[in-house]
C-alpha cells in the first residue's frame, strides 16, 4: 500500500464530510456549513491517501478559535496554548492498519514545535477501551471529565505534554521563528485564521 499524509485540498471537503458522517457514534456528525467552518479554522487538517484514495483524516485546532465545542472550551479555559485534536476518522476498509498511529505521530510532530500540550477526549459512555489504551500508549493522561451537553455522554479530557516544546520555544520561537522548511510550514487556508494567536505561538 502506497501511503501519503498531506494537507487536505479545498475540493476534498465533500469527501471529508462523507467520511465524518459515516464514522458512527464516536464522531459527531456535521453538515456542509460545519465542515467548511472547521476547515477554515483548523490549524491542522490532513488526509491519509492510500493508493490514490482518501483513507482518513485528522482535524485539529489551536487555542483562540471561535469554536463552541464544550470539550474545546474546557481546554480553552485551562490552557493558554494547545493543539486540540477535534476528530480523527479512518475509512472502514483501512481500519486496523495503523493509520491512527501514523496520524498521531504526524500531529505530534506538528504540535511539538508550536505549543506545550496536545489535547483531545475519549468517550466513557459507552467506554471505548481500545481508544483509552491507544491514547495511553501515546503518553496522554486524563486531566478531567465532563458530560457533553446535547449528547449527554461522559468524556475523559486528555492532555499530553510535549517535551520538545521548551527547546523549540527558547531556540526558535523567541528568536525569529521556525526555519523555513516545508515540513514546518503552517497550513495554507483559503481564508486567514479567525483569531490572532497568543503571543509566543506561531
N, C-alpha and C. Protein backbone atom coordinates (compact mmCIF):
# COMPACT_ATOMS: atom_id res chain seq x y z
N UNK A 1 0.84 -1.20 0.00
CA UNK A 1 0.00 0.00 0.00
C UNK A 1 0.87 1.24 0.00
N UNK A 2 0.65 2.13 -0.97
CA UNK A 2 1.34 3.40 -1.03
C UNK A 2 0.57 4.42 -0.19
N UNK A 3 1.23 5.05 0.79
CA UNK A 3 0.55 5.94 1.73
C UNK A 3 1.21 7.31 1.76
N UNK A 4 0.40 8.36 1.68
CA UNK A 4 0.87 9.74 1.80
C UNK A 4 -0.02 10.47 2.79
N UNK A 5 0.58 11.19 3.72
CA UNK A 5 -0.17 12.07 4.62
C UNK A 5 0.11 13.50 4.17
N UNK A 6 -0.94 14.23 3.84
CA UNK A 6 -0.78 15.57 3.26
C UNK A 6 -1.94 16.46 3.67
N UNK A 7 -1.77 17.79 3.47
CA UNK A 7 -2.85 18.72 3.75
C UNK A 7 -4.03 18.46 2.81
N UNK A 8 -5.23 18.65 3.35
CA UNK A 8 -6.43 18.47 2.54
C UNK A 8 -6.53 19.59 1.51
N UNK A 9 -7.11 19.31 0.37
CA UNK A 9 -7.37 20.30 -0.67
C UNK A 9 -8.83 20.76 -0.58
N UNK A 10 -9.11 22.02 -0.95
CA UNK A 10 -10.49 22.53 -0.81
C UNK A 10 -11.55 21.66 -1.49
N UNK A 11 -11.22 21.07 -2.63
CA UNK A 11 -12.23 20.28 -3.35
C UNK A 11 -12.49 18.92 -2.68
N UNK A 12 -11.71 18.58 -1.64
CA UNK A 12 -11.87 17.31 -0.97
C UNK A 12 -12.77 17.38 0.27
N UNK A 13 -13.32 18.56 0.56
CA UNK A 13 -14.12 18.70 1.78
C UNK A 13 -15.39 17.84 1.74
N UNK A 14 -15.98 17.64 0.56
CA UNK A 14 -17.15 16.77 0.48
C UNK A 14 -16.80 15.33 0.86
N UNK A 15 -15.62 14.88 0.42
CA UNK A 15 -15.17 13.53 0.77
C UNK A 15 -14.90 13.43 2.27
N UNK A 16 -14.33 14.48 2.86
CA UNK A 16 -14.07 14.51 4.30
C UNK A 16 -15.40 14.45 5.06
N UNK A 17 -16.39 15.23 4.59
CA UNK A 17 -17.69 15.24 5.24
C UNK A 17 -18.34 13.86 5.19
N UNK A 18 -18.27 13.19 4.05
CA UNK A 18 -18.86 11.86 3.92
C UNK A 18 -18.18 10.87 4.87
N UNK A 19 -16.84 10.93 4.96
CA UNK A 19 -16.12 10.07 5.90
C UNK A 19 -16.56 10.35 7.32
N UNK A 20 -16.66 11.62 7.69
CA UNK A 20 -17.04 12.00 9.04
C UNK A 20 -18.40 11.42 9.41
N UNK A 21 -19.36 11.57 8.52
CA UNK A 21 -20.74 11.19 8.85
C UNK A 21 -21.00 9.69 8.72
N UNK A 22 -20.02 8.98 8.16
CA UNK A 22 -20.13 7.51 8.10
C UNK A 22 -19.37 6.83 9.23
N UNK A 23 -18.78 7.62 10.13
CA UNK A 23 -17.87 7.07 11.13
C UNK A 23 -18.58 6.37 12.28
N UNK A 24 -19.84 6.70 12.52
CA UNK A 24 -20.54 6.08 13.63
C UNK A 24 -20.66 7.00 14.83
N UNK A 25 -21.07 6.44 15.96
CA UNK A 25 -21.44 7.24 17.13
C UNK A 25 -20.26 7.88 17.85
N UNK A 26 -19.04 7.46 17.55
CA UNK A 26 -17.89 8.05 18.23
C UNK A 26 -17.49 9.40 17.65
N UNK A 27 -18.04 9.76 16.48
CA UNK A 27 -17.75 11.04 15.83
C UNK A 27 -19.06 11.79 15.63
N UNK A 28 -19.13 13.02 16.13
CA UNK A 28 -20.36 13.80 15.98
C UNK A 28 -20.53 14.21 14.52
N UNK A 29 -21.76 14.11 13.99
CA UNK A 29 -21.99 14.43 12.57
C UNK A 29 -21.86 15.92 12.30
N UNK A 30 -21.64 16.25 11.02
CA UNK A 30 -21.52 17.62 10.56
C UNK A 30 -22.37 17.80 9.31
N UNK A 31 -22.65 19.06 8.96
CA UNK A 31 -23.22 19.36 7.65
C UNK A 31 -22.19 20.13 6.84
N UNK A 32 -22.55 20.53 5.64
CA UNK A 32 -21.59 21.20 4.77
C UNK A 32 -21.06 22.49 5.37
N UNK A 33 -21.94 23.25 6.02
CA UNK A 33 -21.51 24.50 6.65
C UNK A 33 -20.54 24.22 7.80
N UNK A 34 -20.84 23.17 8.57
CA UNK A 34 -20.00 22.84 9.72
C UNK A 34 -18.60 22.43 9.30
N UNK A 35 -18.47 21.60 8.27
CA UNK A 35 -17.14 21.16 7.86
C UNK A 35 -16.37 22.31 7.23
N UNK A 36 -17.07 23.20 6.51
CA UNK A 36 -16.39 24.35 5.92
C UNK A 36 -15.87 25.28 7.00
N UNK A 37 -16.67 25.49 8.06
CA UNK A 37 -16.24 26.37 9.15
C UNK A 37 -15.04 25.77 9.88
N UNK A 38 -15.10 24.46 10.14
CA UNK A 38 -13.97 23.81 10.80
C UNK A 38 -12.72 23.88 9.94
N UNK A 39 -12.87 23.65 8.64
CA UNK A 39 -11.71 23.70 7.74
C UNK A 39 -11.10 25.09 7.72
N UNK A 40 -11.93 26.12 7.76
CA UNK A 40 -11.42 27.50 7.77
C UNK A 40 -10.59 27.78 9.01
N UNK A 41 -10.96 27.17 10.13
CA UNK A 41 -10.31 27.47 11.41
C UNK A 41 -9.24 26.46 11.81
N UNK A 42 -9.19 25.31 11.15
CA UNK A 42 -8.26 24.26 11.55
C UNK A 42 -6.81 24.68 11.32
N UNK A 43 -5.99 24.45 12.32
CA UNK A 43 -4.57 24.67 12.14
C UNK A 43 -3.90 23.45 11.52
N UNK A 44 -4.56 22.29 11.67
CA UNK A 44 -4.07 21.03 11.11
C UNK A 44 -5.27 20.31 10.52
N UNK A 45 -5.22 20.05 9.21
CA UNK A 45 -6.27 19.26 8.56
C UNK A 45 -5.59 18.48 7.44
N UNK A 46 -5.30 17.21 7.75
CA UNK A 46 -4.55 16.39 6.82
C UNK A 46 -5.30 15.10 6.53
N UNK A 47 -5.06 14.58 5.34
CA UNK A 47 -5.65 13.32 4.93
C UNK A 47 -4.55 12.28 4.74
N UNK A 48 -4.93 11.02 4.91
CA UNK A 48 -4.08 9.90 4.51
C UNK A 48 -4.59 9.42 3.16
N UNK A 49 -3.74 9.46 2.16
CA UNK A 49 -4.11 8.99 0.83
C UNK A 49 -3.42 7.65 0.59
N UNK A 50 -4.22 6.62 0.40
CA UNK A 50 -3.70 5.26 0.21
C UNK A 50 -4.06 4.80 -1.19
N UNK A 51 -3.02 4.57 -1.99
CA UNK A 51 -3.23 4.12 -3.37
C UNK A 51 -4.23 5.01 -4.10
N UNK A 52 -4.09 6.32 -3.92
CA UNK A 52 -4.92 7.28 -4.62
C UNK A 52 -6.28 7.53 -4.03
N UNK A 53 -6.61 6.90 -2.89
CA UNK A 53 -7.91 7.04 -2.26
C UNK A 53 -7.75 7.65 -0.88
N UNK A 54 -8.67 8.57 -0.50
CA UNK A 54 -8.62 9.15 0.83
C UNK A 54 -9.05 8.10 1.85
N UNK A 55 -8.11 7.74 2.72
CA UNK A 55 -8.34 6.66 3.68
C UNK A 55 -8.71 7.18 5.06
N UNK A 56 -8.54 8.47 5.30
CA UNK A 56 -8.87 9.03 6.60
C UNK A 56 -8.41 10.47 6.71
N UNK A 57 -8.78 11.11 7.82
CA UNK A 57 -8.34 12.49 8.05
C UNK A 57 -8.24 12.75 9.55
N UNK A 58 -7.48 13.77 9.88
CA UNK A 58 -7.39 14.27 11.26
C UNK A 58 -7.49 15.78 11.20
N UNK A 59 -8.31 16.34 12.09
CA UNK A 59 -8.52 17.79 12.15
C UNK A 59 -8.20 18.26 13.57
N UNK A 60 -7.39 19.31 13.66
CA UNK A 60 -7.00 19.85 14.96
C UNK A 60 -7.02 21.37 14.92
N UNK A 61 -7.22 21.97 16.10
CA UNK A 61 -7.37 23.42 16.23
C UNK A 61 -6.41 23.95 17.28
N UNK A 62 -5.97 25.20 17.09
CA UNK A 62 -5.20 25.90 18.12
C UNK A 62 -6.12 26.61 19.08
N UNK A 63 -5.55 27.12 20.16
CA UNK A 63 -6.29 27.98 21.08
C UNK A 63 -6.72 29.26 20.36
N UNK A 64 -7.73 29.93 20.93
CA UNK A 64 -8.17 31.20 20.35
C UNK A 64 -9.09 31.07 19.17
N UNK A 65 -9.64 29.89 18.93
CA UNK A 65 -10.54 29.66 17.80
C UNK A 65 -11.99 29.82 18.25
N UNK A 66 -12.85 30.48 17.46
CA UNK A 66 -14.26 30.62 17.84
C UNK A 66 -15.03 29.33 17.56
N UNK A 67 -14.82 28.36 18.41
CA UNK A 67 -15.40 27.03 18.24
C UNK A 67 -16.13 26.68 19.53
N UNK A 68 -17.40 26.32 19.43
CA UNK A 68 -18.23 26.17 20.61
C UNK A 68 -18.30 24.75 21.15
N UNK A 69 -17.45 23.85 20.68
CA UNK A 69 -17.41 22.51 21.25
C UNK A 69 -17.16 22.59 22.75
N UNK A 70 -17.98 21.93 23.57
CA UNK A 70 -17.76 22.00 25.02
C UNK A 70 -16.41 21.43 25.44
N UNK A 71 -15.90 20.45 24.72
CA UNK A 71 -14.59 19.91 25.08
C UNK A 71 -13.47 20.87 24.71
N UNK A 72 -13.58 21.49 23.55
CA UNK A 72 -12.60 22.52 23.17
C UNK A 72 -12.63 23.68 24.16
N UNK A 73 -13.84 24.12 24.57
CA UNK A 73 -13.94 25.22 25.51
C UNK A 73 -13.34 24.84 26.87
N UNK A 74 -13.48 23.56 27.27
CA UNK A 74 -12.90 23.10 28.53
C UNK A 74 -11.39 23.32 28.52
N UNK A 75 -10.74 22.93 27.44
CA UNK A 75 -9.29 23.14 27.35
C UNK A 75 -8.95 24.62 27.26
N UNK A 76 -9.78 25.39 26.55
CA UNK A 76 -9.51 26.82 26.40
C UNK A 76 -9.51 27.53 27.74
N UNK A 77 -10.33 27.06 28.67
CA UNK A 77 -10.42 27.69 29.99
C UNK A 77 -9.24 27.33 30.89
N UNK A 78 -8.44 26.34 30.49
CA UNK A 78 -7.39 25.84 31.38
C UNK A 78 -5.97 25.91 30.80
N UNK A 79 -5.84 26.02 29.48
CA UNK A 79 -4.52 26.02 28.85
C UNK A 79 -4.38 27.22 27.93
N UNK A 80 -3.36 28.06 28.14
CA UNK A 80 -3.20 29.24 27.28
C UNK A 80 -2.76 28.91 25.86
N UNK A 81 -2.03 27.80 25.67
CA UNK A 81 -1.58 27.39 24.35
C UNK A 81 -1.72 25.88 24.22
N UNK A 82 -2.34 25.43 23.14
CA UNK A 82 -2.52 23.99 22.95
C UNK A 82 -2.92 23.72 21.51
N UNK A 83 -2.77 22.47 21.10
CA UNK A 83 -3.40 21.96 19.89
C UNK A 83 -4.42 20.93 20.34
N UNK A 84 -5.64 21.06 19.84
CA UNK A 84 -6.76 20.20 20.21
C UNK A 84 -7.15 19.32 19.03
N UNK A 85 -7.05 18.00 19.21
CA UNK A 85 -7.49 17.06 18.18
C UNK A 85 -9.01 16.97 18.27
N UNK A 86 -9.68 17.55 17.30
CA UNK A 86 -11.14 17.58 17.33
C UNK A 86 -11.74 16.28 16.82
N UNK A 87 -11.14 15.73 15.77
CA UNK A 87 -11.68 14.46 15.23
C UNK A 87 -10.65 13.78 14.34
N UNK A 88 -10.65 12.47 14.41
CA UNK A 88 -9.87 11.62 13.52
C UNK A 88 -10.82 10.53 13.01
N UNK A 89 -10.81 10.32 11.72
CA UNK A 89 -11.68 9.33 11.10
C UNK A 89 -10.86 8.50 10.12
N UNK A 90 -10.98 7.20 10.23
CA UNK A 90 -10.35 6.27 9.29
C UNK A 90 -11.48 5.54 8.55
N UNK A 91 -11.43 5.52 7.22
CA UNK A 91 -12.44 4.82 6.43
C UNK A 91 -12.44 3.34 6.78
N UNK A 92 -13.60 2.74 6.78
CA UNK A 92 -13.74 1.36 7.25
C UNK A 92 -12.77 0.37 6.59
N UNK A 93 -12.56 0.43 5.27
CA UNK A 93 -11.65 -0.57 4.66
C UNK A 93 -10.20 -0.43 5.10
N UNK A 94 -9.85 0.73 5.72
CA UNK A 94 -8.46 0.98 6.08
C UNK A 94 -8.22 0.93 7.59
N UNK A 95 -9.21 0.49 8.34
CA UNK A 95 -9.04 0.39 9.80
C UNK A 95 -8.19 -0.82 10.16
N UNK A 96 -7.55 -0.73 11.33
CA UNK A 96 -6.69 -1.77 11.87
C UNK A 96 -5.41 -1.95 11.03
N UNK A 97 -5.03 -0.90 10.29
CA UNK A 97 -3.80 -0.96 9.51
C UNK A 97 -2.73 0.00 10.05
N UNK A 98 -3.02 0.64 11.19
CA UNK A 98 -2.04 1.53 11.81
C UNK A 98 -2.12 2.97 11.37
N UNK A 99 -3.18 3.36 10.64
CA UNK A 99 -3.26 4.75 10.18
C UNK A 99 -3.47 5.72 11.34
N UNK A 100 -4.15 5.27 12.40
CA UNK A 100 -4.31 6.13 13.57
C UNK A 100 -2.97 6.50 14.16
N UNK A 101 -2.07 5.54 14.25
CA UNK A 101 -0.74 5.82 14.78
C UNK A 101 0.06 6.73 13.85
N UNK A 102 -0.13 6.55 12.55
CA UNK A 102 0.53 7.45 11.59
C UNK A 102 0.06 8.88 11.80
N UNK A 103 -1.25 9.07 11.91
CA UNK A 103 -1.79 10.41 12.13
C UNK A 103 -1.31 11.01 13.44
N UNK A 104 -1.33 10.22 14.52
CA UNK A 104 -0.94 10.76 15.82
C UNK A 104 0.55 11.11 15.86
N UNK A 105 1.37 10.34 15.18
CA UNK A 105 2.79 10.70 15.08
C UNK A 105 2.96 12.01 14.32
N UNK A 106 2.18 12.17 13.25
CA UNK A 106 2.30 13.37 12.42
C UNK A 106 1.80 14.61 13.16
N UNK A 107 0.64 14.52 13.83
CA UNK A 107 0.11 15.68 14.52
C UNK A 107 0.96 16.02 15.74
N UNK A 108 1.58 15.02 16.35
CA UNK A 108 2.50 15.30 17.47
C UNK A 108 3.71 16.08 16.97
N UNK A 109 4.28 15.68 15.83
CA UNK A 109 5.40 16.41 15.25
C UNK A 109 5.01 17.85 14.92
N UNK A 110 3.79 18.03 14.41
CA UNK A 110 3.28 19.36 14.10
C UNK A 110 3.16 20.20 15.37
N UNK A 111 2.57 19.62 16.42
CA UNK A 111 2.25 20.37 17.62
C UNK A 111 3.49 20.71 18.45
N UNK A 112 4.46 19.80 18.52
CA UNK A 112 5.54 19.99 19.48
C UNK A 112 6.49 21.13 19.13
N UNK A 113 6.38 21.69 17.91
CA UNK A 113 7.18 22.87 17.58
C UNK A 113 6.34 24.14 17.67
N UNK A 114 5.14 24.04 18.24
CA UNK A 114 4.24 25.19 18.32
C UNK A 114 3.65 25.43 19.70
N UNK A 115 3.38 24.37 20.45
CA UNK A 115 2.65 24.50 21.71
C UNK A 115 3.20 23.52 22.75
N UNK A 116 2.92 23.76 24.03
CA UNK A 116 3.42 22.86 25.07
C UNK A 116 2.58 21.62 25.30
N UNK A 117 1.34 21.57 24.76
CA UNK A 117 0.47 20.45 25.09
C UNK A 117 -0.45 20.12 23.91
N UNK A 118 -0.67 18.81 23.74
CA UNK A 118 -1.59 18.27 22.75
C UNK A 118 -2.78 17.69 23.51
N UNK A 119 -4.00 17.99 23.08
CA UNK A 119 -5.18 17.62 23.85
C UNK A 119 -6.22 16.91 22.97
N UNK A 120 -7.12 16.18 23.63
CA UNK A 120 -8.22 15.51 22.94
C UNK A 120 -9.15 14.95 24.01
N UNK A 121 -10.15 14.17 23.59
CA UNK A 121 -11.01 13.50 24.55
C UNK A 121 -11.38 12.13 24.02
N UNK A 122 -11.82 11.25 24.93
CA UNK A 122 -12.37 9.95 24.53
C UNK A 122 -13.68 9.75 25.28
N UNK A 123 -14.60 9.09 24.60
CA UNK A 123 -15.90 8.81 25.22
C UNK A 123 -15.75 7.74 26.30
N UNK A 124 -16.44 7.96 27.42
CA UNK A 124 -16.51 6.98 28.50
C UNK A 124 -17.87 6.30 28.56
N UNK A 125 -18.85 6.84 27.86
CA UNK A 125 -20.20 6.28 27.83
C UNK A 125 -20.67 6.18 26.38
N UNK A 126 -20.66 5.01 25.77
CA UNK A 126 -20.08 3.78 26.30
C UNK A 126 -18.55 3.87 26.30
N UNK A 127 -17.93 3.16 27.22
CA UNK A 127 -16.48 3.21 27.36
C UNK A 127 -15.81 2.54 26.16
N UNK A 128 -14.85 3.24 25.59
CA UNK A 128 -14.11 2.73 24.44
C UNK A 128 -12.70 2.37 24.90
N UNK A 129 -12.53 1.13 25.37
CA UNK A 129 -11.24 0.74 25.94
C UNK A 129 -10.12 0.75 24.90
N UNK A 130 -10.44 0.45 23.65
CA UNK A 130 -9.41 0.49 22.61
C UNK A 130 -8.86 1.90 22.47
N UNK A 131 -9.75 2.89 22.46
CA UNK A 131 -9.31 4.28 22.35
C UNK A 131 -8.55 4.73 23.60
N UNK A 132 -9.03 4.31 24.77
CA UNK A 132 -8.33 4.67 26.02
C UNK A 132 -6.91 4.12 26.01
N UNK A 133 -6.76 2.86 25.63
CA UNK A 133 -5.42 2.25 25.59
C UNK A 133 -4.55 2.90 24.53
N UNK A 134 -5.13 3.18 23.37
CA UNK A 134 -4.39 3.82 22.29
C UNK A 134 -3.79 5.14 22.76
N UNK A 135 -4.61 5.98 23.39
CA UNK A 135 -4.11 7.27 23.84
C UNK A 135 -3.10 7.13 24.98
N UNK A 136 -3.32 6.15 25.84
CA UNK A 136 -2.36 5.93 26.91
C UNK A 136 -0.98 5.57 26.38
N UNK A 137 -0.93 4.77 25.31
CA UNK A 137 0.37 4.39 24.75
C UNK A 137 1.06 5.57 24.09
N UNK A 138 0.32 6.63 23.76
CA UNK A 138 0.91 7.83 23.19
C UNK A 138 1.22 8.89 24.23
N UNK A 139 1.11 8.56 25.50
CA UNK A 139 1.51 9.48 26.55
C UNK A 139 0.44 10.45 27.01
N UNK A 140 -0.82 10.26 26.58
CA UNK A 140 -1.90 11.12 27.05
C UNK A 140 -2.31 10.71 28.45
N UNK A 141 -2.63 11.70 29.27
CA UNK A 141 -3.11 11.45 30.62
C UNK A 141 -4.45 12.16 30.83
N UNK A 142 -5.31 11.55 31.62
CA UNK A 142 -6.59 12.19 31.90
C UNK A 142 -6.38 13.40 32.81
N UNK A 143 -6.94 14.55 32.39
CA UNK A 143 -6.83 15.77 33.18
C UNK A 143 -8.19 16.27 33.63
N UNK A 144 -9.26 15.54 33.28
CA UNK A 144 -10.60 15.93 33.70
C UNK A 144 -11.64 15.07 33.02
N UNK A 145 -12.89 15.23 33.48
CA UNK A 145 -14.04 14.58 32.85
C UNK A 145 -15.19 15.58 32.80
N UNK A 146 -16.09 15.37 31.85
CA UNK A 146 -17.32 16.14 31.83
C UNK A 146 -18.37 15.40 31.00
N UNK A 147 -19.63 15.75 31.23
CA UNK A 147 -20.72 15.23 30.42
C UNK A 147 -21.04 16.25 29.35
N UNK A 148 -20.97 15.83 28.09
CA UNK A 148 -21.18 16.75 26.98
C UNK A 148 -22.64 17.15 26.88
N UNK A 149 -22.93 18.45 26.91
CA UNK A 149 -24.31 18.91 26.71
C UNK A 149 -24.83 18.48 25.35
N UNK A 150 -26.10 18.22 25.27
CA UNK A 150 -26.71 17.87 23.99
C UNK A 150 -26.70 16.38 23.72
N UNK A 151 -25.53 15.74 23.86
CA UNK A 151 -25.45 14.30 23.62
C UNK A 151 -25.48 13.51 24.93
N UNK A 152 -25.27 14.20 26.06
CA UNK A 152 -25.37 13.60 27.39
C UNK A 152 -24.48 12.37 27.53
N UNK A 153 -23.24 12.49 27.05
CA UNK A 153 -22.28 11.40 27.15
C UNK A 153 -21.04 11.89 27.88
N UNK A 154 -20.55 11.06 28.80
CA UNK A 154 -19.38 11.40 29.60
C UNK A 154 -18.12 11.20 28.77
N UNK A 155 -17.19 12.15 28.88
CA UNK A 155 -15.91 12.03 28.19
C UNK A 155 -14.78 12.25 29.19
N UNK A 156 -13.64 11.66 28.88
CA UNK A 156 -12.40 11.94 29.60
C UNK A 156 -11.60 12.93 28.77
N UNK A 157 -11.18 14.03 29.39
CA UNK A 157 -10.35 15.03 28.74
C UNK A 157 -8.89 14.64 28.93
N UNK A 158 -8.15 14.55 27.83
CA UNK A 158 -6.78 14.04 27.84
C UNK A 158 -5.80 15.10 27.38
N UNK A 159 -4.60 15.07 27.94
CA UNK A 159 -3.55 16.00 27.54
C UNK A 159 -2.21 15.28 27.55
N UNK A 160 -1.36 15.69 26.62
CA UNK A 160 -0.01 15.15 26.50
C UNK A 160 0.97 16.30 26.48
N UNK A 161 1.86 16.35 27.47
CA UNK A 161 2.89 17.38 27.48
C UNK A 161 3.93 17.07 26.41
N UNK A 162 4.32 18.09 25.66
CA UNK A 162 5.25 17.93 24.55
C UNK A 162 6.64 18.39 24.99
N UNK A 163 7.50 17.43 25.28
CA UNK A 163 8.76 17.73 25.94
C UNK A 163 9.73 18.52 25.06
N UNK A 164 9.55 18.49 23.75
CA UNK A 164 10.45 19.23 22.87
C UNK A 164 10.12 20.72 22.82
N UNK A 165 8.90 21.09 23.22
CA UNK A 165 8.46 22.47 23.02
C UNK A 165 9.34 23.50 23.73
N UNK A 166 9.74 23.33 25.00
CA UNK A 166 10.57 24.37 25.62
C UNK A 166 11.85 24.68 24.84
N UNK A 167 12.50 23.64 24.31
CA UNK A 167 13.70 23.87 23.50
C UNK A 167 13.36 24.65 22.24
N UNK A 168 12.30 24.25 21.55
CA UNK A 168 11.91 24.94 20.31
C UNK A 168 11.53 26.38 20.61
N UNK A 169 10.77 26.59 21.67
CA UNK A 169 10.35 27.95 22.04
C UNK A 169 11.55 28.84 22.31
N UNK A 170 12.48 28.35 23.14
CA UNK A 170 13.61 29.18 23.54
C UNK A 170 14.62 29.38 22.41
N UNK A 171 14.76 28.40 21.55
CA UNK A 171 15.76 28.46 20.49
C UNK A 171 15.24 29.14 19.23
N UNK A 172 13.97 28.94 18.90
CA UNK A 172 13.45 29.41 17.62
C UNK A 172 12.29 30.40 17.76
N UNK A 173 11.24 30.05 18.49
CA UNK A 173 10.05 30.88 18.50
C UNK A 173 10.30 32.25 19.10
N UNK A 174 11.22 32.34 20.06
CA UNK A 174 11.55 33.64 20.66
C UNK A 174 12.71 34.32 19.95
N UNK A 175 13.19 33.69 18.90
CA UNK A 175 14.35 34.26 18.20
C UNK A 175 14.16 34.40 16.71
N UNK A 176 12.95 34.64 16.27
CA UNK A 176 12.74 34.87 14.85
C UNK A 176 11.83 33.87 14.16
N UNK A 177 11.51 32.76 14.81
CA UNK A 177 10.58 31.81 14.22
C UNK A 177 11.24 30.54 13.76
N UNK A 178 10.43 29.61 13.33
CA UNK A 178 10.91 28.31 12.87
C UNK A 178 11.67 28.45 11.56
N UNK A 179 12.60 27.54 11.29
CA UNK A 179 13.28 27.55 9.99
C UNK A 179 12.29 27.41 8.84
N UNK A 180 12.65 27.95 7.70
CA UNK A 180 11.77 27.93 6.52
C UNK A 180 11.89 26.60 5.79
N UNK A 181 11.37 25.57 6.44
CA UNK A 181 11.37 24.23 5.86
C UNK A 181 9.93 23.81 5.58
N UNK A 182 9.68 23.11 4.47
CA UNK A 182 8.29 22.73 4.14
C UNK A 182 7.59 21.97 5.25
N UNK A 183 8.28 21.08 5.95
CA UNK A 183 7.61 20.27 6.96
C UNK A 183 7.27 21.06 8.22
N UNK A 184 7.81 22.29 8.34
CA UNK A 184 7.50 23.15 9.47
C UNK A 184 6.49 24.24 9.12
N UNK A 185 6.06 24.30 7.87
CA UNK A 185 5.20 25.39 7.41
C UNK A 185 3.80 25.28 7.99
N UNK A 186 3.15 26.42 8.13
CA UNK A 186 1.75 26.45 8.52
C UNK A 186 0.89 25.97 7.36
N UNK A 187 -0.27 25.46 7.70
CA UNK A 187 -1.22 25.03 6.69
C UNK A 187 -1.75 26.24 5.92
N UNK A 188 -1.79 26.12 4.59
CA UNK A 188 -2.38 27.18 3.77
C UNK A 188 -3.90 27.05 3.80
N UNK A 189 -4.57 28.18 3.98
CA UNK A 189 -6.03 28.18 4.04
C UNK A 189 -6.59 29.16 3.03
N UNK A 190 -7.84 28.95 2.66
CA UNK A 190 -8.47 29.86 1.73
C UNK A 190 -8.78 31.19 2.39
N UNK A 191 -8.96 31.17 3.72
CA UNK A 191 -9.18 32.39 4.48
C UNK A 191 -8.25 32.39 5.68
N UNK A 192 -7.86 33.56 6.20
CA UNK A 192 -6.95 33.60 7.36
C UNK A 192 -7.62 33.09 8.60
N UNK A 193 -6.83 32.69 9.63
CA UNK A 193 -7.42 32.23 10.89
C UNK A 193 -8.34 33.28 11.48
N UNK A 194 -9.37 32.84 12.18
CA UNK A 194 -10.38 33.76 12.68
C UNK A 194 -9.91 34.55 13.88
N UNK A 195 -8.91 34.07 14.58
CA UNK A 195 -8.45 34.76 15.79
C UNK A 195 -6.94 34.84 15.79
N UNK A 196 -6.43 35.90 16.33
CA UNK A 196 -4.98 36.07 16.43
C UNK A 196 -4.42 35.11 17.45
N UNK A 197 -3.27 34.51 17.12
CA UNK A 197 -2.65 33.55 18.03
C UNK A 197 -2.04 34.26 19.24
N UNK A 198 -1.95 33.52 20.33
CA UNK A 198 -1.37 34.08 21.55
C UNK A 198 0.10 34.41 21.33
N UNK A 199 0.59 35.40 22.05
CA UNK A 199 2.00 35.78 21.93
C UNK A 199 2.89 34.62 22.27
N UNK A 200 3.95 34.46 21.48
CA UNK A 200 4.88 33.35 21.69
C UNK A 200 4.54 32.15 20.86
N UNK A 201 3.33 32.10 20.26
CA UNK A 201 2.95 31.00 19.39
C UNK A 201 3.33 31.29 17.97
N UNK A 202 2.82 30.46 17.05
CA UNK A 202 3.15 30.60 15.64
C UNK A 202 1.89 30.91 14.85
